[in-house]
Amino acid sequence: MGPNYAKLQRVVELVISLTRKGRLDWTRMRKSRTRDGYTASMPDATVQVYSKDSDGRQPFILEIYDGVGELSVQASSHELGGELFEMIADLYEAAHESATNVDPLLDSLINILQREDDSQG
C-alpha cells in the first residue's frame, strides 16, 4: 500500500515552499553516478528527488527516509499522475536551483553585464 496521497502532497508542497524560501538546503546526490538528483536532510527525515533515467527529465522519483536512514516512501511521478506529478517536477527544479546555487551566480552575472552595458553608453 502506498502513502496517503493528500499527506504526501502536503509534504511536497511544504518542501518546495521551504526550498524556494532558502530554508531547506539541497546537495547533489553522491550515492551513484547514474542518479541525477538531490538530497535534503532534516532532523528526522531525508528527502531525495532524482531523475529515474538520469537525464534531468521525467520520470522523477521521490524518496523519503526516516531518521535512521530506512526508506519510508518511494513515489514515481509517472505512477502518481495529476497534480502531484507536476509537484515532483517542481520539487526537482527547486532542489536543482538550491543545490547548484544558481541565483547568486545569476545575480553576479547581471551585475557584471549591467556595469559593462552602462559603461558603453
N, C-alpha and C. Protein backbone atom coordinates (compact mmCIF):
# COMPACT_ATOMS: atom_id res chain seq x y z
N MET A 1 0.83 -1.18 0.00
CA MET A 1 0.00 0.00 0.00
C MET A 1 0.88 1.24 0.00
N GLY A 2 0.55 2.19 -0.86
CA GLY A 2 1.33 3.41 -0.97
C GLY A 2 0.99 4.43 0.10
N PRO A 3 1.71 5.53 0.10
CA PRO A 3 1.46 6.57 1.10
C PRO A 3 0.12 7.27 0.84
N ASN A 4 -0.39 7.90 1.87
CA ASN A 4 -1.59 8.70 1.76
C ASN A 4 -1.31 9.85 0.79
N TYR A 5 -2.07 9.91 -0.30
CA TYR A 5 -1.83 10.89 -1.36
C TYR A 5 -1.89 12.32 -0.84
N ALA A 6 -2.90 12.64 -0.05
CA ALA A 6 -3.07 14.01 0.46
C ALA A 6 -1.91 14.41 1.37
N LYS A 7 -1.46 13.49 2.21
CA LYS A 7 -0.33 13.79 3.11
C LYS A 7 0.96 13.95 2.32
N LEU A 8 1.17 13.08 1.35
CA LEU A 8 2.37 13.18 0.52
C LEU A 8 2.37 14.50 -0.26
N GLN A 9 1.21 14.87 -0.78
CA GLN A 9 1.10 16.13 -1.50
C GLN A 9 1.44 17.31 -0.58
N ARG A 10 0.95 17.28 0.65
CA ARG A 10 1.25 18.37 1.60
C ARG A 10 2.73 18.41 1.94
N VAL A 11 3.35 17.26 2.13
CA VAL A 11 4.79 17.22 2.39
C VAL A 11 5.54 17.85 1.23
N VAL A 12 5.20 17.48 0.00
CA VAL A 12 5.89 18.02 -1.17
C VAL A 12 5.67 19.53 -1.27
N GLU A 13 4.45 20.00 -1.01
CA GLU A 13 4.17 21.45 -1.02
C GLU A 13 5.07 22.19 -0.04
N LEU A 14 5.17 21.66 1.18
CA LEU A 14 5.98 22.31 2.20
C LEU A 14 7.47 22.27 1.87
N VAL A 15 7.93 21.16 1.35
CA VAL A 15 9.35 21.05 0.98
C VAL A 15 9.67 22.04 -0.14
N ILE A 16 8.80 22.16 -1.13
CA ILE A 16 9.01 23.14 -2.21
C ILE A 16 9.04 24.55 -1.63
N SER A 17 8.08 24.87 -0.78
CA SER A 17 7.99 26.21 -0.19
C SER A 17 9.26 26.56 0.60
N LEU A 18 9.68 25.66 1.47
CA LEU A 18 10.88 25.91 2.27
C LEU A 18 12.13 26.01 1.40
N THR A 19 12.18 25.22 0.35
CA THR A 19 13.33 25.26 -0.57
C THR A 19 13.38 26.62 -1.26
N ARG A 20 12.26 27.06 -1.78
CA ARG A 20 12.23 28.35 -2.50
C ARG A 20 12.49 29.53 -1.58
N LYS A 21 12.18 29.38 -0.30
CA LYS A 21 12.45 30.44 0.68
C LYS A 21 13.90 30.38 1.17
N GLY A 22 14.66 29.38 0.73
CA GLY A 22 16.04 29.23 1.15
C GLY A 22 16.20 28.66 2.54
N ARG A 23 15.16 28.02 3.05
CA ARG A 23 15.20 27.47 4.40
C ARG A 23 15.46 25.97 4.44
N LEU A 24 15.59 25.37 3.26
CA LEU A 24 15.92 23.96 3.17
C LEU A 24 17.02 23.82 2.13
N ASP A 25 18.15 23.30 2.55
CA ASP A 25 19.32 23.20 1.66
C ASP A 25 19.40 21.83 1.01
N TRP A 26 19.68 21.84 -0.26
CA TRP A 26 19.83 20.62 -1.03
C TRP A 26 21.27 20.47 -1.50
N THR A 27 21.69 19.24 -1.61
CA THR A 27 23.01 18.94 -2.18
C THR A 27 22.82 17.90 -3.28
N ARG A 28 23.76 17.88 -4.19
CA ARG A 28 23.72 16.89 -5.26
C ARG A 28 23.95 15.51 -4.65
N MET A 29 23.18 14.54 -5.09
CA MET A 29 23.32 13.17 -4.57
C MET A 29 24.68 12.61 -4.96
N ARG A 30 25.30 11.96 -4.02
CA ARG A 30 26.61 11.34 -4.25
C ARG A 30 26.50 9.82 -4.22
N LYS A 31 25.28 9.34 -4.06
CA LYS A 31 25.06 7.90 -3.91
C LYS A 31 25.54 7.12 -5.13
N SER A 32 25.30 7.69 -6.30
CA SER A 32 25.59 6.95 -7.52
C SER A 32 25.82 7.91 -8.67
N ARG A 33 26.75 7.59 -9.52
CA ARG A 33 26.99 8.42 -10.70
C ARG A 33 25.83 8.33 -11.68
N THR A 34 25.04 7.29 -11.56
CA THR A 34 23.94 7.10 -12.51
C THR A 34 22.68 7.84 -12.10
N ARG A 35 22.68 8.45 -10.93
CA ARG A 35 21.49 9.18 -10.48
C ARG A 35 21.73 10.67 -10.57
N ASP A 36 20.86 11.34 -11.30
CA ASP A 36 20.89 12.78 -11.38
C ASP A 36 19.86 13.30 -10.40
N GLY A 37 20.30 13.63 -9.18
CA GLY A 37 19.32 14.03 -8.19
C GLY A 37 19.92 14.78 -7.02
N TYR A 38 19.04 15.06 -6.05
CA TYR A 38 19.38 15.95 -4.95
C TYR A 38 18.81 15.39 -3.65
N THR A 39 19.45 15.79 -2.55
CA THR A 39 19.05 15.31 -1.24
C THR A 39 19.03 16.47 -0.24
N ALA A 40 18.05 16.44 0.66
CA ALA A 40 17.94 17.43 1.73
C ALA A 40 17.69 16.67 3.03
N SER A 41 18.48 17.00 4.04
CA SER A 41 18.35 16.33 5.33
C SER A 41 17.72 17.24 6.37
N MET A 42 16.85 16.65 7.16
CA MET A 42 16.19 17.32 8.27
C MET A 42 16.45 16.47 9.51
N PRO A 43 16.07 16.95 10.69
CA PRO A 43 16.38 16.18 11.89
C PRO A 43 15.83 14.75 11.89
N ASP A 44 14.61 14.53 11.41
CA ASP A 44 14.02 13.20 11.48
C ASP A 44 13.75 12.56 10.13
N ALA A 45 14.24 13.17 9.07
CA ALA A 45 13.97 12.63 7.74
C ALA A 45 14.95 13.18 6.72
N THR A 46 15.09 12.46 5.65
CA THR A 46 15.86 12.90 4.49
C THR A 46 14.97 12.73 3.27
N VAL A 47 14.97 13.76 2.43
CA VAL A 47 14.18 13.72 1.20
C VAL A 47 15.15 13.70 0.03
N GLN A 48 14.87 12.82 -0.92
CA GLN A 48 15.67 12.76 -2.14
C GLN A 48 14.73 12.82 -3.33
N VAL A 49 15.17 13.51 -4.36
CA VAL A 49 14.42 13.56 -5.61
C VAL A 49 15.43 13.41 -6.73
N TYR A 50 15.14 12.53 -7.67
CA TYR A 50 16.08 12.30 -8.76
C TYR A 50 15.36 11.88 -10.02
N SER A 51 16.08 12.05 -11.12
CA SER A 51 15.56 11.64 -12.42
C SER A 51 15.84 10.15 -12.60
N LYS A 52 14.80 9.39 -12.82
CA LYS A 52 14.94 7.93 -12.93
C LYS A 52 15.92 7.55 -14.03
N ASP A 53 15.87 8.28 -15.14
CA ASP A 53 16.72 7.97 -16.28
C ASP A 53 18.03 8.77 -16.28
N SER A 54 18.28 9.52 -15.22
CA SER A 54 19.49 10.33 -15.06
C SER A 54 19.68 11.35 -16.18
N ASP A 55 18.56 11.83 -16.73
CA ASP A 55 18.65 12.82 -17.80
C ASP A 55 18.08 14.17 -17.38
N GLY A 56 17.70 14.32 -16.10
CA GLY A 56 17.16 15.57 -15.61
C GLY A 56 15.72 15.82 -16.04
N ARG A 57 15.06 14.79 -16.55
CA ARG A 57 13.68 14.92 -17.00
C ARG A 57 12.83 13.80 -16.40
N GLN A 58 11.52 13.89 -16.62
CA GLN A 58 10.59 12.87 -16.15
C GLN A 58 10.99 11.50 -16.68
N PRO A 59 10.71 10.47 -15.95
CA PRO A 59 10.06 10.45 -14.65
C PRO A 59 11.02 10.78 -13.51
N PHE A 60 10.48 11.42 -12.47
CA PHE A 60 11.24 11.72 -11.27
C PHE A 60 10.80 10.77 -10.17
N ILE A 61 11.75 10.46 -9.29
CA ILE A 61 11.48 9.60 -8.14
C ILE A 61 11.67 10.43 -6.88
N LEU A 62 10.70 10.33 -5.99
CA LEU A 62 10.77 10.97 -4.69
C LEU A 62 10.95 9.89 -3.65
N GLU A 63 11.96 10.04 -2.80
CA GLU A 63 12.18 9.10 -1.71
C GLU A 63 12.27 9.87 -0.41
N ILE A 64 11.63 9.31 0.62
CA ILE A 64 11.70 9.90 1.96
C ILE A 64 12.21 8.82 2.90
N TYR A 65 13.29 9.14 3.60
CA TYR A 65 13.92 8.22 4.54
C TYR A 65 13.63 8.71 5.96
N ASP A 66 13.46 7.77 6.87
CA ASP A 66 13.23 8.15 8.27
C ASP A 66 14.55 8.52 8.94
N GLY A 67 14.47 8.83 10.22
CA GLY A 67 15.63 9.31 10.97
C GLY A 67 16.78 8.35 11.08
N VAL A 68 16.54 7.06 10.86
CA VAL A 68 17.63 6.07 10.92
C VAL A 68 18.09 5.64 9.52
N GLY A 69 17.55 6.30 8.51
CA GLY A 69 18.00 6.02 7.15
C GLY A 69 17.24 4.94 6.40
N GLU A 70 16.12 4.50 6.95
CA GLU A 70 15.30 3.49 6.27
C GLU A 70 14.35 4.16 5.29
N LEU A 71 14.25 3.60 4.10
CA LEU A 71 13.34 4.12 3.09
C LEU A 71 11.90 3.94 3.57
N SER A 72 11.18 5.06 3.71
CA SER A 72 9.79 5.01 4.19
C SER A 72 8.80 5.22 3.06
N VAL A 73 9.15 6.09 2.11
CA VAL A 73 8.25 6.40 1.00
C VAL A 73 9.07 6.46 -0.28
N GLN A 74 8.55 5.84 -1.30
CA GLN A 74 9.14 5.98 -2.64
C GLN A 74 7.97 6.16 -3.61
N ALA A 75 8.03 7.23 -4.38
CA ALA A 75 6.94 7.53 -5.30
C ALA A 75 7.53 8.01 -6.63
N SER A 76 6.97 7.51 -7.70
CA SER A 76 7.38 7.92 -9.04
C SER A 76 6.38 8.93 -9.57
N SER A 77 6.88 9.98 -10.20
CA SER A 77 5.97 10.98 -10.74
C SER A 77 5.02 10.37 -11.76
N HIS A 78 5.47 9.38 -12.52
CA HIS A 78 4.60 8.75 -13.51
C HIS A 78 3.51 7.91 -12.86
N GLU A 79 3.82 7.28 -11.76
CA GLU A 79 2.81 6.46 -11.08
C GLU A 79 1.75 7.31 -10.40
N LEU A 80 2.14 8.50 -9.94
CA LEU A 80 1.20 9.34 -9.19
C LEU A 80 0.26 10.11 -10.10
N GLY A 81 0.80 10.68 -11.16
CA GLY A 81 -0.03 11.45 -12.07
C GLY A 81 -0.61 12.68 -11.41
N GLY A 82 -1.47 13.37 -12.15
CA GLY A 82 -2.19 14.52 -11.63
C GLY A 82 -1.30 15.62 -11.12
N GLU A 83 -1.81 16.32 -10.11
CA GLU A 83 -1.12 17.47 -9.56
C GLU A 83 0.22 17.08 -8.92
N LEU A 84 0.26 15.94 -8.28
CA LEU A 84 1.49 15.51 -7.63
C LEU A 84 2.59 15.23 -8.66
N PHE A 85 2.21 14.81 -9.85
CA PHE A 85 3.16 14.62 -10.95
C PHE A 85 3.92 15.92 -11.20
N GLU A 86 3.17 17.03 -11.34
CA GLU A 86 3.79 18.33 -11.58
C GLU A 86 4.57 18.82 -10.37
N MET A 87 4.06 18.53 -9.17
CA MET A 87 4.73 19.00 -7.97
C MET A 87 6.10 18.35 -7.80
N ILE A 88 6.21 17.08 -8.13
CA ILE A 88 7.51 16.42 -8.01
C ILE A 88 8.49 17.00 -9.03
N ALA A 89 8.01 17.35 -10.21
CA ALA A 89 8.86 18.02 -11.20
C ALA A 89 9.29 19.39 -10.67
N ASP A 90 8.36 20.13 -10.05
CA ASP A 90 8.70 21.42 -9.45
C ASP A 90 9.71 21.26 -8.33
N LEU A 91 9.55 20.20 -7.53
CA LEU A 91 10.49 19.94 -6.45
C LEU A 91 11.88 19.67 -7.00
N TYR A 92 11.95 18.87 -8.06
CA TYR A 92 13.25 18.58 -8.68
C TYR A 92 13.91 19.89 -9.13
N GLU A 93 13.15 20.75 -9.77
CA GLU A 93 13.70 22.02 -10.26
C GLU A 93 14.16 22.91 -9.09
N ALA A 94 13.35 23.00 -8.04
CA ALA A 94 13.71 23.81 -6.88
C ALA A 94 14.95 23.25 -6.19
N ALA A 95 15.03 21.93 -6.07
CA ALA A 95 16.20 21.28 -5.46
C ALA A 95 17.44 21.54 -6.29
N HIS A 96 17.30 21.45 -7.61
CA HIS A 96 18.43 21.72 -8.51
C HIS A 96 18.95 23.14 -8.31
N GLU A 97 18.03 24.11 -8.28
CA GLU A 97 18.43 25.51 -8.10
C GLU A 97 19.11 25.72 -6.74
N SER A 98 18.60 25.07 -5.71
CA SER A 98 19.20 25.19 -4.38
C SER A 98 20.60 24.57 -4.35
N ALA A 99 20.73 23.38 -4.89
CA ALA A 99 22.00 22.65 -4.83
C ALA A 99 23.07 23.29 -5.70
N THR A 100 22.67 23.86 -6.82
CA THR A 100 23.65 24.44 -7.73
C THR A 100 23.88 25.92 -7.47
N ASN A 101 23.11 26.48 -6.53
CA ASN A 101 23.30 27.87 -6.11
C ASN A 101 23.24 28.82 -7.31
N VAL A 102 22.24 28.65 -8.14
CA VAL A 102 22.11 29.39 -9.39
C VAL A 102 21.87 30.88 -9.16
N ASP A 103 21.02 31.25 -8.21
CA ASP A 103 20.65 32.66 -8.04
C ASP A 103 21.85 33.57 -7.78
N PRO A 104 22.76 33.25 -6.85
CA PRO A 104 23.91 34.14 -6.67
C PRO A 104 24.77 34.26 -7.94
N LEU A 105 24.91 33.18 -8.67
CA LEU A 105 25.67 33.24 -9.93
C LEU A 105 24.99 34.18 -10.91
N LEU A 106 23.67 34.05 -11.06
CA LEU A 106 22.94 34.92 -11.97
C LEU A 106 22.99 36.38 -11.52
N ASP A 107 22.87 36.62 -10.21
CA ASP A 107 22.97 37.98 -9.69
C ASP A 107 24.33 38.60 -10.02
N SER A 108 25.38 37.84 -9.83
CA SER A 108 26.72 38.32 -10.14
C SER A 108 26.87 38.62 -11.63
N LEU A 109 26.37 37.72 -12.44
CA LEU A 109 26.45 37.91 -13.89
C LEU A 109 25.66 39.15 -14.32
N ILE A 110 24.49 39.36 -13.75
CA ILE A 110 23.69 40.55 -14.06
C ILE A 110 24.47 41.81 -13.70
N ASN A 111 25.09 41.82 -12.52
CA ASN A 111 25.87 43.00 -12.11
C ASN A 111 27.02 43.28 -13.07
N ILE A 112 27.75 42.25 -13.44
CA ILE A 112 28.88 42.42 -14.37
C ILE A 112 28.39 42.94 -15.71
N LEU A 113 27.37 42.32 -16.24
CA LEU A 113 26.86 42.72 -17.55
C LEU A 113 26.23 44.11 -17.50
N GLN A 114 25.53 44.43 -16.41
CA GLN A 114 24.93 45.75 -16.28
C GLN A 114 25.99 46.84 -16.25
N ARG A 115 27.07 46.60 -15.50
CA ARG A 115 28.18 47.58 -15.45
C ARG A 115 28.79 47.77 -16.84
N GLU A 116 28.97 46.68 -17.55
CA GLU A 116 29.53 46.75 -18.90
C GLU A 116 28.58 47.51 -19.83
N ASP A 117 27.31 47.23 -19.73
CA ASP A 117 26.32 47.89 -20.57
C ASP A 117 26.25 49.37 -20.25
N ASP A 118 26.29 49.72 -18.94
CA ASP A 118 26.24 51.12 -18.54
C ASP A 118 27.46 51.89 -19.01
N SER A 119 28.62 51.25 -19.02
CA SER A 119 29.85 51.94 -19.44
C SER A 119 29.92 52.14 -20.95
N GLN A 120 29.09 51.44 -21.68
CA GLN A 120 29.09 51.56 -23.15
C GLN A 120 28.19 52.69 -23.64
N GLY A 121 27.53 53.35 -22.74
CA GLY A 121 26.78 54.49 -23.21
C GLY A 121 25.44 54.55 -22.71
